[in-house]
């Protein structure tokens, strides 16, 4: 189970907001984003939202992530034979590259607009 889903973490956050607002919060960067070992559309959405990026344009790619990437990855990881043609591979690679470019652009735009800063 991911650390963020445990009650003790939630209780600590609530305790901080209730009793320690005059103290500096400590955030462990290494645990900030959890890919849960397999990137599903649910995990991807959580990552995008954690980064403060609008998920709207990525919603239409959920089936692609779950079927074209995760299902194929699981087949390969579990030793199933998988034959993929050159054109199918090109389409798959193009879609992945497009998603990576979208994320890159959204992160750069957020950084340029100080999207990482807390708005008070």
N, C-alpha and C. Protein backbone atom coordinates (compact mmCIF):
# COMPACT_ATOMS: atom_id res chain seq x y z
N UNK A 1 0.85 -1.18 0.00
CA UNK A 1 0.00 0.00 0.00
C UNK A 1 0.90 1.24 0.00
N UNK A 2 0.53 2.22 -0.80
CA UNK A 2 1.32 3.43 -0.89
C UNK A 2 1.27 4.18 0.44
N UNK A 3 2.38 4.83 0.77
CA UNK A 3 2.48 5.53 2.04
C UNK A 3 1.39 6.58 2.20
N UNK A 4 1.05 7.29 1.11
CA UNK A 4 0.06 8.36 1.21
C UNK A 4 -1.34 7.83 1.52
N UNK A 5 -1.59 6.53 1.38
CA UNK A 5 -2.90 5.95 1.65
C UNK A 5 -3.04 5.48 3.09
N UNK A 6 -1.99 5.59 3.88
CA UNK A 6 -2.02 5.13 5.26
C UNK A 6 -2.58 6.22 6.16
N UNK A 7 -3.36 5.80 7.13
CA UNK A 7 -4.01 6.75 8.05
C UNK A 7 -3.00 7.58 8.81
N UNK A 8 -1.87 6.98 9.20
CA UNK A 8 -0.89 7.72 10.01
C UNK A 8 -0.36 8.95 9.28
N UNK A 9 -0.22 8.86 7.98
CA UNK A 9 0.26 10.01 7.21
C UNK A 9 -0.81 11.09 7.19
N UNK A 10 -2.06 10.70 6.96
CA UNK A 10 -3.15 11.67 6.95
C UNK A 10 -3.31 12.34 8.30
N UNK A 11 -3.19 11.57 9.36
CA UNK A 11 -3.30 12.13 10.71
C UNK A 11 -2.17 13.13 10.97
N UNK A 12 -0.97 12.80 10.53
CA UNK A 12 0.17 13.71 10.71
C UNK A 12 -0.05 15.02 9.95
N UNK A 13 -0.62 14.95 8.77
CA UNK A 13 -0.88 16.16 7.98
C UNK A 13 -1.94 17.02 8.68
N UNK A 14 -3.02 16.40 9.11
CA UNK A 14 -4.07 17.13 9.81
C UNK A 14 -3.51 17.75 11.09
N UNK A 15 -2.71 17.00 11.83
CA UNK A 15 -2.09 17.51 13.06
C UNK A 15 -1.22 18.72 12.76
N UNK A 16 -0.46 18.65 11.67
CA UNK A 16 0.38 19.79 11.30
C UNK A 16 -0.47 21.02 11.05
N UNK A 17 -1.54 20.88 10.26
CA UNK A 17 -2.38 22.03 9.94
C UNK A 17 -3.12 22.57 11.17
N UNK A 18 -3.42 21.70 12.09
CA UNK A 18 -4.16 22.14 13.28
C UNK A 18 -3.25 22.74 14.34
N UNK A 19 -2.02 22.23 14.48
CA UNK A 19 -1.21 22.60 15.64
C UNK A 19 0.17 23.18 15.34
N UNK A 20 0.64 23.09 14.13
CA UNK A 20 2.03 23.46 13.88
C UNK A 20 2.21 24.40 12.68
N UNK A 21 1.23 25.22 12.41
CA UNK A 21 1.31 26.09 11.23
C UNK A 21 2.45 27.10 11.32
N UNK A 22 2.98 27.35 12.50
CA UNK A 22 4.09 28.29 12.62
C UNK A 22 5.43 27.61 12.36
N UNK A 23 5.42 26.28 12.14
CA UNK A 23 6.65 25.53 11.86
C UNK A 23 6.78 25.27 10.36
N UNK A 24 7.98 24.99 9.95
CA UNK A 24 8.25 24.68 8.55
C UNK A 24 7.92 23.21 8.28
N UNK A 25 7.21 22.95 7.22
CA UNK A 25 6.86 21.57 6.85
C UNK A 25 8.05 20.90 6.19
N UNK A 26 8.20 19.61 6.44
CA UNK A 26 9.25 18.82 5.80
C UNK A 26 8.59 17.85 4.84
N UNK A 27 8.97 17.95 3.58
CA UNK A 27 8.40 17.09 2.55
C UNK A 27 9.51 16.21 2.00
N UNK A 28 9.29 14.90 2.04
CA UNK A 28 10.27 13.96 1.51
C UNK A 28 10.06 13.84 0.01
N UNK A 29 10.95 14.44 -0.76
CA UNK A 29 10.83 14.46 -2.21
C UNK A 29 10.89 13.06 -2.80
N UNK A 30 11.70 12.18 -2.23
CA UNK A 30 11.86 10.84 -2.79
C UNK A 30 10.56 10.05 -2.76
N UNK A 31 9.63 10.40 -1.89
CA UNK A 31 8.36 9.69 -1.79
C UNK A 31 7.20 10.48 -2.40
N UNK A 32 7.50 11.57 -3.08
CA UNK A 32 6.44 12.44 -3.56
C UNK A 32 5.59 11.83 -4.65
N UNK A 33 6.21 11.13 -5.57
CA UNK A 33 5.48 10.54 -6.70
C UNK A 33 5.73 9.04 -6.70
N UNK A 34 4.65 8.29 -6.63
CA UNK A 34 4.74 6.84 -6.60
C UNK A 34 4.15 6.27 -7.88
N UNK A 35 4.95 5.62 -8.70
CA UNK A 35 4.47 5.02 -9.94
C UNK A 35 3.82 3.67 -9.70
N UNK A 36 3.89 3.16 -8.48
CA UNK A 36 3.30 1.88 -8.10
C UNK A 36 3.78 0.74 -9.00
N UNK A 37 4.97 0.87 -9.55
CA UNK A 37 5.64 -0.13 -10.38
C UNK A 37 5.03 -0.32 -11.76
N UNK A 38 3.77 -0.06 -11.94
CA UNK A 38 3.10 -0.20 -13.23
C UNK A 38 2.30 1.07 -13.50
N UNK A 39 2.61 1.73 -14.59
CA UNK A 39 1.93 2.98 -14.90
C UNK A 39 0.57 2.71 -15.52
N UNK A 40 -0.48 2.85 -14.73
CA UNK A 40 -1.85 2.76 -15.23
C UNK A 40 -2.36 4.19 -15.41
N UNK A 41 -3.53 4.31 -16.00
CA UNK A 41 -4.09 5.66 -16.18
C UNK A 41 -4.40 6.30 -14.83
N UNK A 42 -4.77 5.50 -13.83
CA UNK A 42 -5.05 6.03 -12.49
C UNK A 42 -3.76 6.58 -11.86
N UNK A 43 -2.69 5.82 -11.97
CA UNK A 43 -1.39 6.26 -11.44
C UNK A 43 -0.91 7.49 -12.20
N UNK A 44 -1.06 7.49 -13.52
CA UNK A 44 -0.65 8.63 -14.33
C UNK A 44 -1.42 9.88 -13.93
N UNK A 45 -2.74 9.74 -13.73
CA UNK A 45 -3.55 10.89 -13.31
C UNK A 45 -3.06 11.43 -11.98
N UNK A 46 -2.75 10.55 -11.05
CA UNK A 46 -2.26 10.98 -9.74
C UNK A 46 -0.94 11.74 -9.88
N UNK A 47 -0.06 11.27 -10.75
CA UNK A 47 1.22 11.95 -10.97
C UNK A 47 0.99 13.34 -11.56
N UNK A 48 0.15 13.41 -12.58
CA UNK A 48 -0.13 14.70 -13.24
C UNK A 48 -0.73 15.69 -12.24
N UNK A 49 -1.69 15.24 -11.44
CA UNK A 49 -2.31 16.13 -10.46
C UNK A 49 -1.33 16.51 -9.35
N UNK A 50 -0.47 15.58 -8.95
CA UNK A 50 0.55 15.88 -7.94
C UNK A 50 1.48 16.98 -8.42
N UNK A 51 1.77 16.98 -9.71
CA UNK A 51 2.64 18.00 -10.30
C UNK A 51 1.92 19.32 -10.52
N UNK A 52 0.63 19.36 -10.23
CA UNK A 52 -0.14 20.60 -10.38
C UNK A 52 -0.53 20.89 -11.81
N UNK A 53 -0.60 19.87 -12.64
CA UNK A 53 -0.93 20.03 -14.05
C UNK A 53 -2.39 19.68 -14.27
N UNK A 54 -3.06 20.42 -15.14
CA UNK A 54 -4.45 20.14 -15.49
C UNK A 54 -4.51 18.82 -16.26
N UNK A 55 -5.33 17.91 -15.80
CA UNK A 55 -5.41 16.56 -16.37
C UNK A 55 -6.34 16.47 -17.57
N UNK A 56 -7.11 17.49 -17.84
CA UNK A 56 -8.17 17.45 -18.85
C UNK A 56 -7.71 16.88 -20.19
N UNK A 57 -6.62 17.38 -20.75
CA UNK A 57 -6.22 16.92 -22.08
C UNK A 57 -5.65 15.50 -22.07
N UNK A 58 -5.32 14.98 -20.91
CA UNK A 58 -4.78 13.63 -20.80
C UNK A 58 -5.88 12.58 -20.63
N UNK A 59 -7.09 13.02 -20.26
CA UNK A 59 -8.20 12.08 -20.01
C UNK A 59 -8.46 11.16 -21.19
N UNK A 60 -8.39 11.70 -22.39
CA UNK A 60 -8.69 10.91 -23.58
C UNK A 60 -7.63 9.84 -23.86
N UNK A 61 -6.52 9.88 -23.14
CA UNK A 61 -5.44 8.91 -23.35
C UNK A 61 -5.45 7.78 -22.31
N UNK A 62 -6.46 7.74 -21.45
CA UNK A 62 -6.52 6.72 -20.39
C UNK A 62 -6.55 5.31 -20.97
N UNK A 63 -7.38 5.07 -21.97
CA UNK A 63 -7.44 3.74 -22.58
C UNK A 63 -6.12 3.37 -23.24
N UNK A 64 -5.48 4.33 -23.88
CA UNK A 64 -4.18 4.07 -24.49
C UNK A 64 -3.18 3.60 -23.44
N UNK A 65 -3.15 4.29 -22.31
CA UNK A 65 -2.22 3.93 -21.24
C UNK A 65 -2.54 2.54 -20.69
N UNK A 66 -3.81 2.28 -20.43
CA UNK A 66 -4.19 1.01 -19.81
C UNK A 66 -4.12 -0.17 -20.77
N UNK A 67 -4.47 0.02 -22.01
CA UNK A 67 -4.51 -1.10 -22.96
C UNK A 67 -3.23 -1.20 -23.78
N UNK A 68 -2.87 -0.12 -24.44
CA UNK A 68 -1.72 -0.18 -25.34
C UNK A 68 -0.39 -0.24 -24.61
N UNK A 69 -0.31 0.33 -23.42
CA UNK A 69 0.95 0.31 -22.69
C UNK A 69 0.96 -0.71 -21.56
N UNK A 70 0.05 -0.58 -20.61
CA UNK A 70 0.07 -1.44 -19.43
C UNK A 70 -0.20 -2.90 -19.76
N UNK A 71 -1.23 -3.14 -20.57
CA UNK A 71 -1.56 -4.52 -20.92
C UNK A 71 -0.41 -5.18 -21.68
N UNK A 72 0.16 -4.47 -22.63
CA UNK A 72 1.29 -5.01 -23.40
C UNK A 72 2.50 -5.20 -22.49
N UNK A 73 2.76 -4.26 -21.61
CA UNK A 73 3.88 -4.39 -20.68
C UNK A 73 3.71 -5.63 -19.80
N UNK A 74 2.50 -5.83 -19.30
CA UNK A 74 2.24 -6.99 -18.45
C UNK A 74 2.41 -8.31 -19.21
N UNK A 75 1.97 -8.34 -20.46
CA UNK A 75 2.16 -9.55 -21.28
C UNK A 75 3.64 -9.88 -21.40
N UNK A 76 4.43 -8.88 -21.73
CA UNK A 76 5.86 -9.09 -21.89
C UNK A 76 6.50 -9.48 -20.57
N UNK A 77 6.14 -8.78 -19.50
CA UNK A 77 6.73 -9.04 -18.18
C UNK A 77 6.42 -10.44 -17.68
N UNK A 78 5.29 -11.00 -18.09
CA UNK A 78 4.90 -12.33 -17.62
C UNK A 78 5.21 -13.42 -18.64
N UNK A 79 6.03 -13.07 -19.64
CA UNK A 79 6.53 -14.07 -20.57
C UNK A 79 5.61 -14.45 -21.71
N UNK A 80 4.57 -13.71 -21.92
CA UNK A 80 3.67 -14.02 -23.03
C UNK A 80 4.31 -13.59 -24.34
N UNK A 81 4.05 -14.36 -25.38
CA UNK A 81 4.55 -14.02 -26.70
C UNK A 81 3.75 -12.85 -27.24
N UNK A 82 4.43 -11.89 -27.77
CA UNK A 82 3.76 -10.71 -28.30
C UNK A 82 4.42 -10.34 -29.62
N UNK A 83 3.63 -10.31 -30.63
CA UNK A 83 4.14 -9.91 -31.94
C UNK A 83 3.56 -8.55 -32.27
N UNK A 84 4.41 -7.63 -32.59
CA UNK A 84 3.97 -6.28 -32.94
C UNK A 84 4.66 -5.87 -34.24
N UNK A 85 3.86 -5.38 -35.16
CA UNK A 85 4.39 -4.97 -36.45
C UNK A 85 5.04 -3.60 -36.38
N UNK A 86 5.77 -3.30 -37.41
CA UNK A 86 6.49 -2.02 -37.48
C UNK A 86 5.58 -0.82 -37.41
N UNK A 87 4.47 -0.86 -38.13
CA UNK A 87 3.53 0.26 -38.11
C UNK A 87 2.87 0.42 -36.75
N UNK A 88 2.49 -0.70 -36.12
CA UNK A 88 1.90 -0.65 -34.78
C UNK A 88 2.89 -0.05 -33.78
N UNK A 89 4.15 -0.44 -33.91
CA UNK A 89 5.18 0.09 -33.02
C UNK A 89 5.34 1.60 -33.23
N UNK A 90 5.34 2.04 -34.50
CA UNK A 90 5.50 3.46 -34.80
C UNK A 90 4.37 4.27 -34.19
N UNK A 91 3.13 3.78 -34.30
CA UNK A 91 1.97 4.47 -33.73
C UNK A 91 2.11 4.55 -32.21
N UNK A 92 2.49 3.44 -31.60
CA UNK A 92 2.68 3.39 -30.16
C UNK A 92 3.76 4.38 -29.71
N UNK A 93 4.89 4.35 -30.39
CA UNK A 93 6.01 5.25 -30.04
C UNK A 93 5.62 6.71 -30.23
N UNK A 94 4.91 7.02 -31.31
CA UNK A 94 4.48 8.40 -31.55
C UNK A 94 3.56 8.91 -30.44
N UNK A 95 2.65 8.05 -29.99
CA UNK A 95 1.72 8.44 -28.92
C UNK A 95 2.47 8.69 -27.61
N UNK A 96 3.41 7.81 -27.28
CA UNK A 96 4.20 7.97 -26.06
C UNK A 96 5.01 9.26 -26.12
N UNK A 97 5.64 9.50 -27.25
CA UNK A 97 6.45 10.72 -27.41
C UNK A 97 5.58 11.96 -27.29
N UNK A 98 4.37 11.92 -27.86
CA UNK A 98 3.46 13.05 -27.75
C UNK A 98 3.10 13.31 -26.28
N UNK A 99 2.79 12.25 -25.51
CA UNK A 99 2.48 12.41 -24.09
C UNK A 99 3.66 12.99 -23.32
N UNK A 100 4.85 12.51 -23.64
CA UNK A 100 6.05 13.04 -22.97
C UNK A 100 6.26 14.52 -23.29
N UNK A 101 6.00 14.91 -24.52
CA UNK A 101 6.12 16.33 -24.90
C UNK A 101 5.08 17.18 -24.18
N UNK A 102 3.85 16.65 -24.08
CA UNK A 102 2.81 17.39 -23.35
C UNK A 102 3.22 17.63 -21.91
N UNK A 103 3.70 16.57 -21.25
CA UNK A 103 4.13 16.70 -19.85
C UNK A 103 5.27 17.70 -19.74
N UNK A 104 6.25 17.58 -20.62
CA UNK A 104 7.39 18.50 -20.61
C UNK A 104 6.92 19.94 -20.76
N UNK A 105 6.06 20.20 -21.73
CA UNK A 105 5.56 21.56 -21.95
C UNK A 105 4.74 22.06 -20.77
N UNK A 106 3.89 21.20 -20.22
CA UNK A 106 3.09 21.61 -19.07
C UNK A 106 3.96 21.93 -17.85
N UNK A 107 5.01 21.13 -17.63
CA UNK A 107 5.93 21.39 -16.52
C UNK A 107 6.70 22.69 -16.74
N UNK A 108 7.19 22.90 -17.97
CA UNK A 108 7.92 24.14 -18.26
C UNK A 108 7.01 25.36 -18.11
N UNK A 109 5.78 25.25 -18.60
CA UNK A 109 4.83 26.37 -18.47
C UNK A 109 4.50 26.65 -17.01
N UNK A 110 4.32 25.60 -16.25
CA UNK A 110 4.03 25.77 -14.82
C UNK A 110 5.19 26.43 -14.10
N UNK A 111 6.40 25.99 -14.42
CA UNK A 111 7.59 26.58 -13.79
C UNK A 111 7.74 28.04 -14.18
N UNK A 112 7.50 28.36 -15.44
CA UNK A 112 7.60 29.74 -15.91
C UNK A 112 6.57 30.65 -15.24
N UNK A 113 5.42 30.09 -14.96
CA UNK A 113 4.33 30.87 -14.35
C UNK A 113 4.34 30.77 -12.82
N UNK A 114 5.45 30.24 -12.27
CA UNK A 114 5.57 30.06 -10.81
C UNK A 114 4.45 29.19 -10.26
N UNK A 115 4.02 28.20 -11.04
CA UNK A 115 2.95 27.30 -10.62
C UNK A 115 3.28 26.46 -9.41
N UNK A 116 4.56 26.38 -9.09
CA UNK A 116 5.00 25.58 -7.95
C UNK A 116 4.86 26.34 -6.63
N UNK A 117 4.60 27.63 -6.71
CA UNK A 117 4.49 28.42 -5.49
C UNK A 117 3.09 28.31 -4.90
N UNK A 118 3.04 28.32 -3.58
CA UNK A 118 1.76 28.28 -2.88
C UNK A 118 1.09 29.63 -3.01
N UNK A 119 -0.17 29.61 -3.40
CA UNK A 119 -0.91 30.87 -3.54
C UNK A 119 -1.65 31.13 -2.23
N UNK A 120 -1.36 32.27 -1.65
CA UNK A 120 -1.94 32.62 -0.35
C UNK A 120 -3.04 33.65 -0.53
